Amino acid sequence: MGRSEKGSSIRPIHGMVTVRQILDGFLAGSVTDHEAMDALHMETYADLINALADIGEAPPLPPKAEVEAEVEAALPLIRKRLQEVADGA
């Protein structure tokens, strides 16, 4: 760890020394959840979310395209189940 996925550059987290800097980096997307958790010695994502809540921040939202793709994938299942309920199944 400590290198980008390409293995050639130092990740921004190496210049961050305070909890706030790391959490701000996570919120800005320059630090991954795993990097933040490792740097802050956290064991679970819930710990990271709680740290954000402690500073009055909500967790970052996923990209809109990702949410839309998940909704598109779920809609056929929801529609099918609603039809089953309507048909008395």
N, C-alpha and C. Protein backbone atom coordinates (compact mmCIF):
# COMPACT_ATOMS: atom_id res chain seq x y z
N MET A 1 0.84 -1.19 0.00
CA MET A 1 0.00 0.00 0.00
C MET A 1 0.88 1.24 0.00
N GLY A 2 0.28 2.38 -0.26
CA GLY A 2 1.04 3.60 -0.28
C GLY A 2 1.35 4.07 -1.68
N ARG A 3 1.11 3.23 -2.66
CA ARG A 3 1.31 3.62 -4.04
C ARG A 3 -0.02 3.59 -4.75
N SER A 4 -0.11 4.34 -5.82
CA SER A 4 -1.35 4.35 -6.58
C SER A 4 -1.52 2.99 -7.25
N GLU A 5 -2.67 2.81 -7.88
CA GLU A 5 -2.93 1.55 -8.55
C GLU A 5 -1.89 1.27 -9.63
N LYS A 6 -1.35 2.30 -10.24
CA LYS A 6 -0.33 2.12 -11.27
C LYS A 6 1.04 1.84 -10.64
N GLY A 7 1.16 2.07 -9.34
CA GLY A 7 2.38 1.75 -8.62
C GLY A 7 3.51 2.76 -8.75
N SER A 8 3.24 3.94 -9.32
CA SER A 8 4.34 4.85 -9.57
C SER A 8 4.30 6.14 -8.76
N SER A 9 3.16 6.52 -8.23
CA SER A 9 3.11 7.80 -7.54
C SER A 9 2.64 7.63 -6.10
N ILE A 10 3.06 8.55 -5.27
CA ILE A 10 2.67 8.53 -3.87
C ILE A 10 1.24 9.04 -3.76
N ARG A 11 0.43 8.37 -2.96
CA ARG A 11 -0.96 8.77 -2.76
C ARG A 11 -1.00 10.03 -1.89
N PRO A 12 -2.05 10.86 -2.07
CA PRO A 12 -2.17 12.11 -1.29
C PRO A 12 -2.18 11.90 0.21
N ILE A 13 -2.59 10.74 0.67
CA ILE A 13 -2.72 10.51 2.11
C ILE A 13 -1.37 10.64 2.83
N HIS A 14 -0.28 10.45 2.13
CA HIS A 14 1.02 10.51 2.78
C HIS A 14 1.37 11.89 3.32
N GLY A 15 0.73 12.94 2.81
CA GLY A 15 0.97 14.28 3.32
C GLY A 15 -0.02 14.69 4.40
N MET A 16 -0.94 13.79 4.73
CA MET A 16 -1.99 14.12 5.70
C MET A 16 -1.58 13.62 7.08
N VAL A 17 -1.67 14.51 8.07
CA VAL A 17 -1.22 14.12 9.40
C VAL A 17 -2.32 14.20 10.45
N THR A 18 -3.37 14.97 10.20
CA THR A 18 -4.42 15.08 11.21
C THR A 18 -5.63 14.25 10.80
N VAL A 19 -6.42 13.93 11.80
CA VAL A 19 -7.66 13.19 11.55
C VAL A 19 -8.53 13.98 10.58
N ARG A 20 -8.64 15.27 10.78
CA ARG A 20 -9.48 16.10 9.92
C ARG A 20 -8.98 16.08 8.48
N GLN A 21 -7.67 16.14 8.27
CA GLN A 21 -7.13 16.09 6.91
C GLN A 21 -7.49 14.77 6.22
N ILE A 22 -7.38 13.69 6.95
CA ILE A 22 -7.69 12.38 6.39
C ILE A 22 -9.18 12.28 6.07
N LEU A 23 -10.03 12.72 6.99
CA LEU A 23 -11.47 12.66 6.74
C LEU A 23 -11.87 13.59 5.60
N ASP A 24 -11.27 14.77 5.54
CA ASP A 24 -11.55 15.68 4.42
C ASP A 24 -11.10 15.05 3.09
N GLY A 25 -9.96 14.38 3.11
CA GLY A 25 -9.48 13.70 1.91
C GLY A 25 -10.43 12.60 1.47
N PHE A 26 -10.96 11.88 2.44
CA PHE A 26 -11.94 10.84 2.12
C PHE A 26 -13.20 11.47 1.52
N LEU A 27 -13.68 12.54 2.13
CA LEU A 27 -14.87 13.21 1.62
C LEU A 27 -14.65 13.77 0.22
N ALA A 28 -13.45 14.24 -0.07
CA ALA A 28 -13.14 14.81 -1.38
C ALA A 28 -12.87 13.74 -2.43
N GLY A 29 -12.68 12.50 -1.98
CA GLY A 29 -12.43 11.42 -2.92
C GLY A 29 -10.96 11.18 -3.24
N SER A 30 -10.07 11.91 -2.59
CA SER A 30 -8.64 11.71 -2.84
C SER A 30 -8.04 10.61 -1.97
N VAL A 31 -8.80 10.17 -0.98
CA VAL A 31 -8.39 9.10 -0.08
C VAL A 31 -9.50 8.05 -0.09
N THR A 32 -9.14 6.79 -0.26
CA THR A 32 -10.15 5.73 -0.26
C THR A 32 -10.60 5.44 1.17
N ASP A 33 -11.72 4.75 1.28
CA ASP A 33 -12.19 4.37 2.61
C ASP A 33 -11.17 3.49 3.32
N HIS A 34 -10.53 2.58 2.59
CA HIS A 34 -9.55 1.69 3.21
C HIS A 34 -8.31 2.45 3.67
N GLU A 35 -7.87 3.42 2.86
CA GLU A 35 -6.72 4.23 3.27
C GLU A 35 -7.04 5.03 4.52
N ALA A 36 -8.22 5.63 4.56
CA ALA A 36 -8.61 6.41 5.74
C ALA A 36 -8.70 5.53 6.97
N MET A 37 -9.32 4.37 6.81
CA MET A 37 -9.47 3.46 7.95
C MET A 37 -8.11 2.99 8.45
N ASP A 38 -7.20 2.65 7.52
CA ASP A 38 -5.85 2.22 7.92
C ASP A 38 -5.11 3.34 8.65
N ALA A 39 -5.16 4.56 8.08
CA ALA A 39 -4.44 5.68 8.68
C ALA A 39 -4.98 6.04 10.05
N LEU A 40 -6.29 5.83 10.24
CA LEU A 40 -6.93 6.19 11.52
C LEU A 40 -7.07 4.99 12.45
N HIS A 41 -6.50 3.87 12.06
CA HIS A 41 -6.52 2.65 12.87
C HIS A 41 -7.94 2.20 13.20
N MET A 42 -8.79 2.23 12.19
CA MET A 42 -10.19 1.82 12.34
C MET A 42 -10.36 0.42 11.77
N GLU A 43 -11.24 -0.35 12.40
CA GLU A 43 -11.44 -1.72 11.95
C GLU A 43 -12.64 -1.88 11.03
N THR A 44 -13.62 -0.98 11.12
CA THR A 44 -14.83 -1.14 10.32
C THR A 44 -15.20 0.16 9.62
N TYR A 45 -15.98 0.01 8.55
CA TYR A 45 -16.49 1.18 7.84
C TYR A 45 -17.40 1.99 8.77
N ALA A 46 -18.09 1.30 9.65
CA ALA A 46 -18.95 2.00 10.62
C ALA A 46 -18.14 2.96 11.48
N ASP A 47 -16.92 2.58 11.84
CA ASP A 47 -16.05 3.48 12.60
C ASP A 47 -15.76 4.76 11.81
N LEU A 48 -15.54 4.59 10.51
CA LEU A 48 -15.26 5.74 9.65
C LEU A 48 -16.49 6.64 9.55
N ILE A 49 -17.66 6.05 9.39
CA ILE A 49 -18.90 6.82 9.32
C ILE A 49 -19.14 7.56 10.64
N ASN A 50 -18.87 6.90 11.75
CA ASN A 50 -19.02 7.55 13.06
C ASN A 50 -18.06 8.72 13.21
N ALA A 51 -16.84 8.58 12.70
CA ALA A 51 -15.87 9.68 12.77
C ALA A 51 -16.37 10.87 11.94
N LEU A 52 -16.97 10.58 10.78
CA LEU A 52 -17.54 11.66 9.98
C LEU A 52 -18.68 12.34 10.73
N ALA A 53 -19.53 11.56 11.37
CA ALA A 53 -20.64 12.13 12.13
C ALA A 53 -20.12 12.99 13.28
N ASP A 54 -19.03 12.58 13.89
CA ASP A 54 -18.44 13.34 14.99
C ASP A 54 -18.01 14.75 14.55
N ILE A 55 -17.66 14.90 13.27
CA ILE A 55 -17.27 16.23 12.78
C ILE A 55 -18.41 16.89 12.00
N GLY A 56 -19.59 16.30 12.08
CA GLY A 56 -20.76 16.90 11.46
C GLY A 56 -20.87 16.68 9.96
N GLU A 57 -20.25 15.65 9.45
CA GLU A 57 -20.27 15.36 8.02
C GLU A 57 -21.03 14.06 7.75
N ALA A 58 -21.73 14.04 6.63
CA ALA A 58 -22.40 12.82 6.18
C ALA A 58 -21.43 12.06 5.28
N PRO A 59 -21.60 10.74 5.18
CA PRO A 59 -20.72 9.99 4.28
C PRO A 59 -20.94 10.42 2.83
N PRO A 60 -19.92 10.29 2.02
CA PRO A 60 -20.07 10.68 0.62
C PRO A 60 -21.08 9.77 -0.08
N LEU A 61 -21.82 10.34 -1.01
CA LEU A 61 -22.78 9.57 -1.79
C LEU A 61 -22.07 8.91 -2.97
N PRO A 62 -22.57 7.76 -3.39
CA PRO A 62 -21.97 7.15 -4.58
C PRO A 62 -22.29 7.99 -5.81
N PRO A 63 -21.54 7.80 -6.88
CA PRO A 63 -21.82 8.55 -8.11
C PRO A 63 -23.25 8.29 -8.60
N LYS A 64 -23.86 9.32 -9.17
CA LYS A 64 -25.24 9.23 -9.65
C LYS A 64 -25.42 8.07 -10.63
N ALA A 65 -24.46 7.87 -11.51
CA ALA A 65 -24.55 6.78 -12.49
C ALA A 65 -24.60 5.42 -11.81
N GLU A 66 -23.87 5.27 -10.73
CA GLU A 66 -23.87 4.00 -9.98
C GLU A 66 -25.23 3.76 -9.35
N VAL A 67 -25.81 4.78 -8.77
CA VAL A 67 -27.13 4.67 -8.15
C VAL A 67 -28.18 4.34 -9.21
N GLU A 68 -28.12 5.04 -10.33
CA GLU A 68 -29.08 4.80 -11.40
C GLU A 68 -28.97 3.37 -11.93
N ALA A 69 -27.76 2.85 -12.06
CA ALA A 69 -27.56 1.48 -12.54
C ALA A 69 -28.14 0.47 -11.56
N GLU A 70 -27.96 0.72 -10.26
CA GLU A 70 -28.52 -0.18 -9.25
C GLU A 70 -30.04 -0.15 -9.26
N VAL A 71 -30.62 1.03 -9.44
CA VAL A 71 -32.07 1.15 -9.51
C VAL A 71 -32.58 0.42 -10.75
N GLU A 72 -31.92 0.61 -11.89
CA GLU A 72 -32.33 -0.07 -13.12
C GLU A 72 -32.30 -1.58 -12.95
N ALA A 73 -31.29 -2.08 -12.26
CA ALA A 73 -31.18 -3.53 -12.04
C ALA A 73 -32.27 -4.03 -11.10
N ALA A 74 -32.66 -3.21 -10.14
CA ALA A 74 -33.67 -3.63 -9.15
C ALA A 74 -35.10 -3.50 -9.63
N LEU A 75 -35.37 -2.58 -10.54
CA LEU A 75 -36.74 -2.32 -10.97
C LEU A 75 -37.47 -3.55 -11.52
N PRO A 76 -36.85 -4.37 -12.36
CA PRO A 76 -37.58 -5.55 -12.83
C PRO A 76 -38.00 -6.49 -11.70
N LEU A 77 -37.14 -6.63 -10.71
CA LEU A 77 -37.48 -7.49 -9.56
C LEU A 77 -38.64 -6.90 -8.76
N ILE A 78 -38.60 -5.60 -8.56
CA ILE A 78 -39.67 -4.93 -7.81
C ILE A 78 -40.98 -5.02 -8.57
N ARG A 79 -40.92 -4.77 -9.87
CA ARG A 79 -42.14 -4.84 -10.68
C ARG A 79 -42.73 -6.25 -10.66
N LYS A 80 -41.87 -7.25 -10.77
CA LYS A 80 -42.33 -8.64 -10.75
C LYS A 80 -43.02 -8.96 -9.43
N ARG A 81 -42.42 -8.56 -8.34
CA ARG A 81 -43.01 -8.84 -7.02
C ARG A 81 -44.32 -8.09 -6.84
N LEU A 82 -44.39 -6.84 -7.28
CA LEU A 82 -45.63 -6.08 -7.18
C LEU A 82 -46.73 -6.74 -8.01
N GLN A 83 -46.38 -7.26 -9.16
CA GLN A 83 -47.37 -7.96 -9.99
C GLN A 83 -47.85 -9.24 -9.29
N GLU A 84 -46.92 -9.96 -8.68
CA GLU A 84 -47.29 -11.18 -7.94
C GLU A 84 -48.27 -10.85 -6.81
N VAL A 85 -47.99 -9.78 -6.10
CA VAL A 85 -48.88 -9.37 -5.00
C VAL A 85 -50.23 -8.97 -5.56
N ALA A 86 -50.24 -8.23 -6.64
CA ALA A 86 -51.49 -7.82 -7.26
C ALA A 86 -52.29 -9.02 -7.76
N ASP A 87 -51.60 -10.07 -8.20
CA ASP A 87 -52.26 -11.28 -8.69
C ASP A 87 -52.65 -12.22 -7.57
N GLY A 88 -52.30 -11.87 -6.35
CA GLY A 88 -52.67 -12.70 -5.18
C GLY A 88 -51.69 -13.82 -4.89
N ALA A 89 -50.51 -13.76 -5.40
CA ALA A 89 -49.52 -14.82 -5.17
C ALA A 89 -48.90 -14.72 -3.79
